[in-house]
Amino acid sequence: MTSRQALLLGAAVLTTVFFLAPVGCGGSGSPTTDVKVSLKEWSITPDLVAAKTGKVRFVVTNDGTEPHEFVILKTDLALDALPAVEGKVDEDKTNHIDEIEAFAANKTETKTVGLKAGRYVFICNIVELPPGQPVLSHYQSGMRFAFTVSQ
């Protein structure tokens, strides 16, 4: 075999190995579901309403004009029946899974969470107390969404 043939054979082997190598596994062996979520006054709108158990990556964009947050709760309660005091959901009295803290309009944040089978609620739990005006609860104004995770 000539050195040119050996060089070509080596390049072919490397190319084959490169294309056969697993892509996007992250070493975990289980796929991650991506869920894109839009937050704005007064809604939470994901592009999926359900996912399979496992890792879920939430790509959350604040399409509103003011700061919002994205809170993930596991609960069998109805969307409007979460325990709230003065408009703020008491996260200590719920199964709080994780959250993206308040972030500015026109920004995007991500959060990857391992989710088990069950019912979930996404909320924005910001409460505004404008002077001389009633409490403005983002949750009570409609920033809530039911999400299901199944086997």
N, C-alpha and C. Protein backbone atom coordinates (compact mmCIF):
# COMPACT_ATOMS: atom_id res chain seq x y z
N MET A 1 0.85 -1.17 0.00
CA MET A 1 0.00 0.00 0.00
C MET A 1 0.90 1.23 0.00
N THR A 2 0.58 2.17 -0.85
CA THR A 2 1.37 3.39 -0.93
C THR A 2 0.99 4.30 0.24
N SER A 3 1.83 5.27 0.50
CA SER A 3 1.52 6.21 1.59
C SER A 3 0.29 7.04 1.27
N ARG A 4 0.06 7.32 -0.03
CA ARG A 4 -1.15 8.06 -0.42
C ARG A 4 -2.39 7.21 -0.14
N GLN A 5 -2.36 5.92 -0.45
CA GLN A 5 -3.49 5.03 -0.19
C GLN A 5 -3.75 4.92 1.32
N ALA A 6 -2.67 4.82 2.09
CA ALA A 6 -2.82 4.74 3.55
C ALA A 6 -3.45 6.01 4.10
N LEU A 7 -3.04 7.15 3.57
CA LEU A 7 -3.60 8.43 4.00
C LEU A 7 -5.09 8.50 3.68
N LEU A 8 -5.47 8.08 2.46
CA LEU A 8 -6.88 8.09 2.08
C LEU A 8 -7.69 7.12 2.92
N LEU A 9 -7.13 5.92 3.21
CA LEU A 9 -7.82 4.95 4.05
C LEU A 9 -8.04 5.51 5.45
N GLY A 10 -7.00 6.15 6.00
CA GLY A 10 -7.12 6.75 7.34
C GLY A 10 -8.18 7.84 7.37
N ALA A 11 -8.25 8.66 6.32
CA ALA A 11 -9.27 9.72 6.25
C ALA A 11 -10.66 9.11 6.17
N ALA A 12 -10.81 8.02 5.42
CA ALA A 12 -12.11 7.36 5.30
C ALA A 12 -12.54 6.78 6.64
N VAL A 13 -11.62 6.19 7.40
CA VAL A 13 -11.95 5.63 8.71
C VAL A 13 -12.37 6.74 9.66
N LEU A 14 -11.63 7.84 9.67
CA LEU A 14 -11.99 8.96 10.55
C LEU A 14 -13.35 9.53 10.18
N THR A 15 -13.62 9.66 8.90
CA THR A 15 -14.91 10.19 8.46
C THR A 15 -16.04 9.27 8.90
N THR A 16 -15.84 7.95 8.76
CA THR A 16 -16.85 6.99 9.16
C THR A 16 -17.11 7.06 10.66
N VAL A 17 -16.04 7.12 11.45
CA VAL A 17 -16.18 7.22 12.90
C VAL A 17 -16.92 8.49 13.28
N PHE A 18 -16.56 9.60 12.64
CA PHE A 18 -17.21 10.87 12.93
C PHE A 18 -18.71 10.80 12.68
N PHE A 19 -19.13 10.24 11.55
CA PHE A 19 -20.54 10.21 11.21
C PHE A 19 -21.32 9.16 11.99
N LEU A 20 -20.64 8.16 12.53
CA LEU A 20 -21.34 7.15 13.32
C LEU A 20 -21.41 7.50 14.80
N ALA A 21 -20.64 8.50 15.22
CA ALA A 21 -20.64 8.89 16.63
C ALA A 21 -22.01 9.43 17.02
N PRO A 22 -22.49 9.08 18.23
CA PRO A 22 -23.81 9.59 18.65
C PRO A 22 -23.77 11.10 18.82
N VAL A 23 -24.85 11.75 18.44
CA VAL A 23 -24.94 13.20 18.52
C VAL A 23 -26.06 13.58 19.48
N GLY A 24 -25.80 14.52 20.37
CA GLY A 24 -26.84 15.07 21.24
C GLY A 24 -27.28 14.16 22.37
N CYS A 25 -26.50 13.15 22.70
CA CYS A 25 -26.91 12.25 23.78
C CYS A 25 -26.62 12.85 25.14
N GLY A 26 -25.59 13.66 25.23
CA GLY A 26 -25.26 14.26 26.52
C GLY A 26 -24.86 13.24 27.56
N GLY A 27 -24.65 11.98 27.15
CA GLY A 27 -24.20 10.96 28.07
C GLY A 27 -25.30 10.39 28.95
N SER A 28 -26.51 10.93 28.90
CA SER A 28 -27.56 10.47 29.80
C SER A 28 -28.33 9.28 29.23
N GLY A 29 -28.33 9.14 27.92
CA GLY A 29 -29.04 8.04 27.31
C GLY A 29 -30.52 8.31 27.10
N SER A 30 -31.08 9.32 27.72
CA SER A 30 -32.49 9.62 27.52
C SER A 30 -32.61 10.98 26.83
N PRO A 31 -33.55 11.08 25.89
CA PRO A 31 -33.70 12.34 25.16
C PRO A 31 -34.29 13.44 26.05
N THR A 32 -34.02 14.65 25.66
CA THR A 32 -34.58 15.81 26.34
C THR A 32 -35.67 16.40 25.45
N THR A 33 -36.83 16.66 26.03
CA THR A 33 -37.92 17.30 25.31
C THR A 33 -37.78 18.81 25.46
N ASP A 34 -37.82 19.53 24.36
CA ASP A 34 -37.79 20.99 24.39
C ASP A 34 -39.20 21.54 24.36
N VAL A 35 -39.50 22.45 25.28
CA VAL A 35 -40.79 23.12 25.32
C VAL A 35 -40.53 24.62 25.27
N LYS A 36 -41.02 25.26 24.22
CA LYS A 36 -40.89 26.71 24.10
C LYS A 36 -42.09 27.35 24.78
N VAL A 37 -41.84 28.36 25.60
CA VAL A 37 -42.89 29.00 26.38
C VAL A 37 -42.83 30.50 26.17
N SER A 38 -43.99 31.10 25.92
CA SER A 38 -44.10 32.56 25.81
C SER A 38 -44.83 33.10 27.04
N LEU A 39 -44.23 34.10 27.68
CA LEU A 39 -44.86 34.80 28.81
C LEU A 39 -45.22 36.20 28.34
N LYS A 40 -46.42 36.63 28.66
CA LYS A 40 -46.80 38.02 28.42
C LYS A 40 -48.01 38.35 29.26
N GLU A 41 -48.37 39.61 29.29
CA GLU A 41 -49.52 40.04 30.05
C GLU A 41 -50.77 39.53 29.36
N TRP A 42 -51.48 38.72 29.88
CA TRP A 42 -51.58 37.93 31.09
C TRP A 42 -51.76 36.47 30.70
N SER A 43 -50.70 35.90 30.14
CA SER A 43 -50.80 34.51 29.70
C SER A 43 -49.44 33.81 29.74
N ILE A 44 -49.52 32.48 29.83
CA ILE A 44 -48.37 31.59 29.67
C ILE A 44 -48.77 30.65 28.55
N THR A 45 -47.98 30.62 27.48
CA THR A 45 -48.34 29.82 26.31
C THR A 45 -47.18 28.94 25.88
N PRO A 46 -47.20 27.65 26.27
CA PRO A 46 -46.17 26.72 25.78
C PRO A 46 -46.57 26.16 24.41
N ASP A 47 -45.57 25.69 23.65
CA ASP A 47 -45.88 25.10 22.36
C ASP A 47 -46.32 23.64 22.48
N LEU A 48 -46.19 23.06 23.68
CA LEU A 48 -46.68 21.71 23.95
C LEU A 48 -47.54 21.75 25.21
N VAL A 49 -48.53 20.86 25.30
CA VAL A 49 -49.37 20.79 26.50
C VAL A 49 -49.03 19.57 27.34
N ALA A 50 -48.12 18.73 26.82
CA ALA A 50 -47.76 17.50 27.52
C ALA A 50 -46.38 17.05 27.08
N ALA A 51 -45.75 16.20 27.91
CA ALA A 51 -44.45 15.63 27.59
C ALA A 51 -44.37 14.25 28.23
N LYS A 52 -43.38 13.50 27.84
CA LYS A 52 -43.09 12.20 28.45
C LYS A 52 -42.18 12.43 29.65
N THR A 53 -42.17 11.48 30.60
CA THR A 53 -41.30 11.60 31.76
C THR A 53 -39.85 11.72 31.32
N GLY A 54 -39.09 12.41 32.12
CA GLY A 54 -37.67 12.59 31.81
C GLY A 54 -37.30 14.06 31.82
N LYS A 55 -36.21 14.35 31.14
CA LYS A 55 -35.72 15.73 31.11
C LYS A 55 -36.53 16.57 30.14
N VAL A 56 -36.93 17.74 30.63
CA VAL A 56 -37.64 18.71 29.81
C VAL A 56 -36.87 20.02 29.90
N ARG A 57 -36.50 20.55 28.73
CA ARG A 57 -35.82 21.84 28.69
C ARG A 57 -36.84 22.90 28.29
N PHE A 58 -37.09 23.83 29.21
CA PHE A 58 -38.02 24.92 28.95
C PHE A 58 -37.22 26.11 28.42
N VAL A 59 -37.59 26.57 27.24
CA VAL A 59 -37.00 27.75 26.63
C VAL A 59 -38.07 28.83 26.74
N VAL A 60 -37.89 29.72 27.71
CA VAL A 60 -38.95 30.65 28.10
C VAL A 60 -38.59 32.07 27.64
N THR A 61 -39.48 32.65 26.84
CA THR A 61 -39.27 34.00 26.33
C THR A 61 -40.30 34.94 26.94
N ASN A 62 -39.82 36.06 27.46
CA ASN A 62 -40.72 37.09 27.98
C ASN A 62 -41.11 37.99 26.82
N ASP A 63 -42.28 37.70 26.23
CA ASP A 63 -42.80 38.49 25.13
C ASP A 63 -43.66 39.65 25.62
N GLY A 64 -43.67 39.86 26.92
CA GLY A 64 -44.47 40.94 27.50
C GLY A 64 -43.70 42.25 27.55
N THR A 65 -44.24 43.17 28.34
CA THR A 65 -43.61 44.48 28.48
C THR A 65 -43.04 44.72 29.87
N GLU A 66 -43.25 43.77 30.77
CA GLU A 66 -42.73 43.90 32.12
C GLU A 66 -42.12 42.58 32.57
N PRO A 67 -41.37 42.57 33.69
CA PRO A 67 -40.75 41.32 34.15
C PRO A 67 -41.79 40.25 34.48
N HIS A 68 -41.41 39.01 34.18
CA HIS A 68 -42.23 37.85 34.53
C HIS A 68 -41.31 36.74 35.00
N GLU A 69 -41.88 35.75 35.70
CA GLU A 69 -41.12 34.58 36.12
C GLU A 69 -41.86 33.34 35.66
N PHE A 70 -41.17 32.19 35.72
CA PHE A 70 -41.75 30.93 35.28
C PHE A 70 -41.56 29.92 36.39
N VAL A 71 -42.66 29.56 37.06
CA VAL A 71 -42.62 28.65 38.20
C VAL A 71 -43.31 27.34 37.81
N ILE A 72 -42.66 26.21 38.14
CA ILE A 72 -43.20 24.89 37.84
C ILE A 72 -43.64 24.24 39.14
N LEU A 73 -44.94 23.92 39.23
CA LEU A 73 -45.51 23.26 40.41
C LEU A 73 -46.12 21.94 39.98
N LYS A 74 -45.95 20.90 40.80
CA LYS A 74 -46.61 19.62 40.55
C LYS A 74 -47.82 19.58 41.49
N THR A 75 -49.03 19.46 40.92
CA THR A 75 -50.23 19.52 41.73
C THR A 75 -51.42 18.91 41.00
N ASP A 76 -52.36 18.40 41.78
CA ASP A 76 -53.62 17.93 41.22
C ASP A 76 -54.71 18.99 41.37
N LEU A 77 -54.37 20.13 41.95
CA LEU A 77 -55.34 21.22 42.12
C LEU A 77 -55.66 21.87 40.78
N ALA A 78 -56.85 22.44 40.70
CA ALA A 78 -57.24 23.20 39.50
C ALA A 78 -56.35 24.44 39.37
N LEU A 79 -56.24 24.92 38.16
CA LEU A 79 -55.41 26.10 37.89
C LEU A 79 -55.70 27.28 38.82
N ASP A 80 -56.98 27.51 39.08
CA ASP A 80 -57.37 28.67 39.87
C ASP A 80 -57.56 28.35 41.35
N ALA A 81 -57.13 27.15 41.78
CA ALA A 81 -57.35 26.73 43.16
C ALA A 81 -56.06 26.59 43.97
N LEU A 82 -54.98 27.12 43.47
CA LEU A 82 -53.72 27.05 44.22
C LEU A 82 -53.82 27.92 45.47
N PRO A 83 -53.18 27.51 46.57
CA PRO A 83 -53.26 28.30 47.81
C PRO A 83 -52.55 29.64 47.64
N ALA A 84 -53.31 30.72 47.72
CA ALA A 84 -52.75 32.05 47.51
C ALA A 84 -53.14 32.98 48.65
N VAL A 85 -52.23 33.87 48.99
CA VAL A 85 -52.47 34.91 49.99
C VAL A 85 -52.17 36.24 49.33
N GLU A 86 -53.16 37.12 49.29
CA GLU A 86 -53.05 38.42 48.65
C GLU A 86 -52.49 38.30 47.24
N GLY A 87 -53.00 37.30 46.51
CA GLY A 87 -52.65 37.12 45.11
C GLY A 87 -51.40 36.31 44.83
N LYS A 88 -50.61 36.04 45.85
CA LYS A 88 -49.36 35.29 45.66
C LYS A 88 -49.56 33.85 46.08
N VAL A 89 -49.22 32.90 45.17
CA VAL A 89 -49.33 31.48 45.50
C VAL A 89 -48.28 31.15 46.55
N ASP A 90 -48.72 30.46 47.60
CA ASP A 90 -47.80 30.04 48.67
C ASP A 90 -47.06 28.80 48.18
N GLU A 91 -45.87 29.02 47.64
CA GLU A 91 -45.09 27.93 47.05
C GLU A 91 -44.66 26.90 48.10
N ASP A 92 -44.63 27.27 49.38
CA ASP A 92 -44.31 26.33 50.44
C ASP A 92 -45.44 25.33 50.67
N LYS A 93 -46.65 25.65 50.22
CA LYS A 93 -47.79 24.75 50.38
C LYS A 93 -48.11 24.00 49.09
N THR A 94 -47.17 24.02 48.16
CA THR A 94 -47.33 23.30 46.89
C THR A 94 -46.07 22.46 46.69
N ASN A 95 -46.10 21.61 45.70
CA ASN A 95 -44.92 20.84 45.34
C ASN A 95 -44.15 21.65 44.31
N HIS A 96 -43.34 22.59 44.80
CA HIS A 96 -42.54 23.48 43.96
C HIS A 96 -41.40 22.67 43.35
N ILE A 97 -41.37 22.57 42.02
CA ILE A 97 -40.35 21.79 41.33
C ILE A 97 -39.12 22.64 41.02
N ASP A 98 -39.32 23.76 40.37
CA ASP A 98 -38.21 24.64 40.01
C ASP A 98 -38.78 25.93 39.45
N GLU A 99 -37.90 26.87 39.13
CA GLU A 99 -38.38 28.11 38.55
C GLU A 99 -37.26 28.88 37.88
N ILE A 100 -37.69 29.80 37.03
CA ILE A 100 -36.81 30.82 36.48
C ILE A 100 -37.26 32.11 37.14
N GLU A 101 -36.38 32.71 37.89
CA GLU A 101 -36.71 33.96 38.60
C GLU A 101 -37.09 35.05 37.59
N ALA A 102 -37.71 36.10 38.08
CA ALA A 102 -38.19 37.19 37.23
C ALA A 102 -37.08 37.68 36.31
N PHE A 103 -37.46 37.87 35.04
CA PHE A 103 -36.50 38.39 34.06
C PHE A 103 -37.22 39.38 33.14
N ALA A 104 -36.44 40.23 32.51
CA ALA A 104 -36.95 41.37 31.76
C ALA A 104 -37.65 40.99 30.46
N ALA A 105 -38.45 41.92 29.99
CA ALA A 105 -39.12 41.78 28.69
C ALA A 105 -38.07 41.61 27.59
N ASN A 106 -38.47 40.89 26.54
CA ASN A 106 -37.62 40.65 25.36
C ASN A 106 -36.37 39.84 25.66
N LYS A 107 -36.39 39.06 26.73
CA LYS A 107 -35.27 38.18 27.08
C LYS A 107 -35.76 36.74 27.05
N THR A 108 -34.81 35.80 26.91
CA THR A 108 -35.11 34.38 26.92
C THR A 108 -34.22 33.70 27.95
N GLU A 109 -34.81 32.82 28.75
CA GLU A 109 -34.08 32.04 29.75
C GLU A 109 -34.41 30.57 29.53
N THR A 110 -33.51 29.68 29.95
CA THR A 110 -33.78 28.24 29.83
C THR A 110 -33.61 27.56 31.18
N LYS A 111 -34.32 26.46 31.32
CA LYS A 111 -34.26 25.65 32.54
C LYS A 111 -34.56 24.22 32.14
N THR A 112 -33.67 23.29 32.52
CA THR A 112 -33.90 21.88 32.27
C THR A 112 -34.23 21.20 33.59
N VAL A 113 -35.34 20.45 33.58
CA VAL A 113 -35.86 19.83 34.79
C VAL A 113 -36.24 18.39 34.49
N GLY A 114 -35.94 17.48 35.41
CA GLY A 114 -36.41 16.10 35.31
C GLY A 114 -37.82 16.03 35.86
N LEU A 115 -38.77 15.61 35.03
CA LEU A 115 -40.16 15.56 35.46
C LEU A 115 -40.68 14.13 35.47
N LYS A 116 -41.43 13.81 36.53
CA LYS A 116 -42.08 12.51 36.67
C LYS A 116 -43.52 12.63 36.17
N ALA A 117 -44.15 11.48 35.96
CA ALA A 117 -45.54 11.48 35.49
C ALA A 117 -46.42 12.23 36.50
N GLY A 118 -47.36 13.00 35.97
CA GLY A 118 -48.28 13.72 36.83
C GLY A 118 -48.78 15.00 36.18
N ARG A 119 -49.52 15.75 36.99
CA ARG A 119 -50.07 17.03 36.52
C ARG A 119 -49.24 18.17 37.10
N TYR A 120 -49.00 19.15 36.26
CA TYR A 120 -48.18 20.31 36.63
C TYR A 120 -48.94 21.58 36.30
N VAL A 121 -48.54 22.64 36.96
CA VAL A 121 -49.06 23.97 36.66
C VAL A 121 -47.86 24.90 36.53
N PHE A 122 -47.86 25.69 35.46
CA PHE A 122 -46.85 26.74 35.29
C PHE A 122 -47.53 28.05 35.68
N ILE A 123 -46.83 28.87 36.47
CA ILE A 123 -47.39 30.16 36.87
C ILE A 123 -46.32 31.24 36.83
N CYS A 124 -46.77 32.47 36.77
CA CYS A 124 -45.95 33.63 37.11
C CYS A 124 -46.48 34.08 38.46
N ASN A 125 -45.62 34.10 39.45
CA ASN A 125 -46.06 34.37 40.83
C ASN A 125 -45.69 35.77 41.29
N ILE A 126 -45.54 36.68 40.36
CA ILE A 126 -45.22 38.07 40.71
C ILE A 126 -46.50 38.77 41.16
N VAL A 127 -46.38 39.54 42.23
CA VAL A 127 -47.48 40.37 42.73
C VAL A 127 -46.97 41.80 42.79
N GLU A 128 -47.72 42.68 42.18
CA GLU A 128 -47.37 44.10 42.19
C GLU A 128 -48.28 44.83 43.16
N LEU A 129 -47.71 45.77 43.88
CA LEU A 129 -48.47 46.57 44.85
C LEU A 129 -48.37 48.04 44.47
N PRO A 130 -49.05 48.46 43.40
CA PRO A 130 -48.97 49.87 43.00
C PRO A 130 -49.60 50.77 44.05
N PRO A 131 -48.94 51.86 44.42
CA PRO A 131 -49.47 52.76 45.46
C PRO A 131 -50.88 53.25 45.11
N GLY A 132 -51.77 53.10 46.08
CA GLY A 132 -53.14 53.59 45.92
C GLY A 132 -54.00 52.75 44.99
N GLN A 133 -53.50 51.60 44.56
CA GLN A 133 -54.28 50.74 43.66
C GLN A 133 -54.37 49.34 44.25
N PRO A 134 -55.30 48.53 43.74
CA PRO A 134 -55.41 47.16 44.25
C PRO A 134 -54.19 46.32 43.84
N VAL A 135 -54.00 45.23 44.56
CA VAL A 135 -52.92 44.29 44.28
C VAL A 135 -53.09 43.75 42.86
N LEU A 136 -51.99 43.66 42.12
CA LEU A 136 -52.01 43.08 40.78
C LEU A 136 -51.24 41.77 40.82
N SER A 137 -51.97 40.67 40.82
CA SER A 137 -51.39 39.34 40.85
C SER A 137 -51.30 38.80 39.43
N HIS A 138 -50.09 38.49 38.98
CA HIS A 138 -49.93 37.94 37.64
C HIS A 138 -50.65 36.59 37.54
N TYR A 139 -50.54 35.76 38.59
CA TYR A 139 -51.22 34.46 38.63
C TYR A 139 -52.73 34.64 38.50
N GLN A 140 -53.31 35.52 39.32
CA GLN A 140 -54.76 35.71 39.29
C GLN A 140 -55.23 36.44 38.03
N SER A 141 -54.30 37.12 37.35
CA SER A 141 -54.65 37.81 36.10
C SER A 141 -54.61 36.87 34.90
N GLY A 142 -54.24 35.60 35.12
CA GLY A 142 -54.30 34.62 34.05
C GLY A 142 -52.98 33.97 33.66
N MET A 143 -51.91 34.31 34.36
CA MET A 143 -50.62 33.72 34.02
C MET A 143 -50.47 32.37 34.71
N ARG A 144 -51.14 31.37 34.11
CA ARG A 144 -51.13 30.00 34.64
C ARG A 144 -51.48 29.06 33.48
N PHE A 145 -50.92 27.86 33.55
CA PHE A 145 -51.14 26.89 32.48
C PHE A 145 -51.00 25.48 33.02
N ALA A 146 -51.91 24.58 32.66
CA ALA A 146 -51.84 23.18 33.08
C ALA A 146 -51.01 22.38 32.07
N PHE A 147 -50.16 21.50 32.59
CA PHE A 147 -49.24 20.70 31.77
C PHE A 147 -49.24 19.28 32.31
N THR A 148 -49.22 18.29 31.42
CA THR A 148 -49.27 16.90 31.84
C THR A 148 -48.00 16.18 31.42
N VAL A 149 -47.49 15.33 32.31
CA VAL A 149 -46.35 14.48 32.00
C VAL A 149 -46.79 13.04 32.16
N SER A 150 -46.54 12.23 31.13
CA SER A 150 -46.96 10.82 31.18
C SER A 150 -45.78 9.90 30.90
N GLN A 151 -45.99 8.62 31.20
CA GLN A 151 -44.93 7.61 31.01
C GLN A 151 -44.55 7.47 29.56
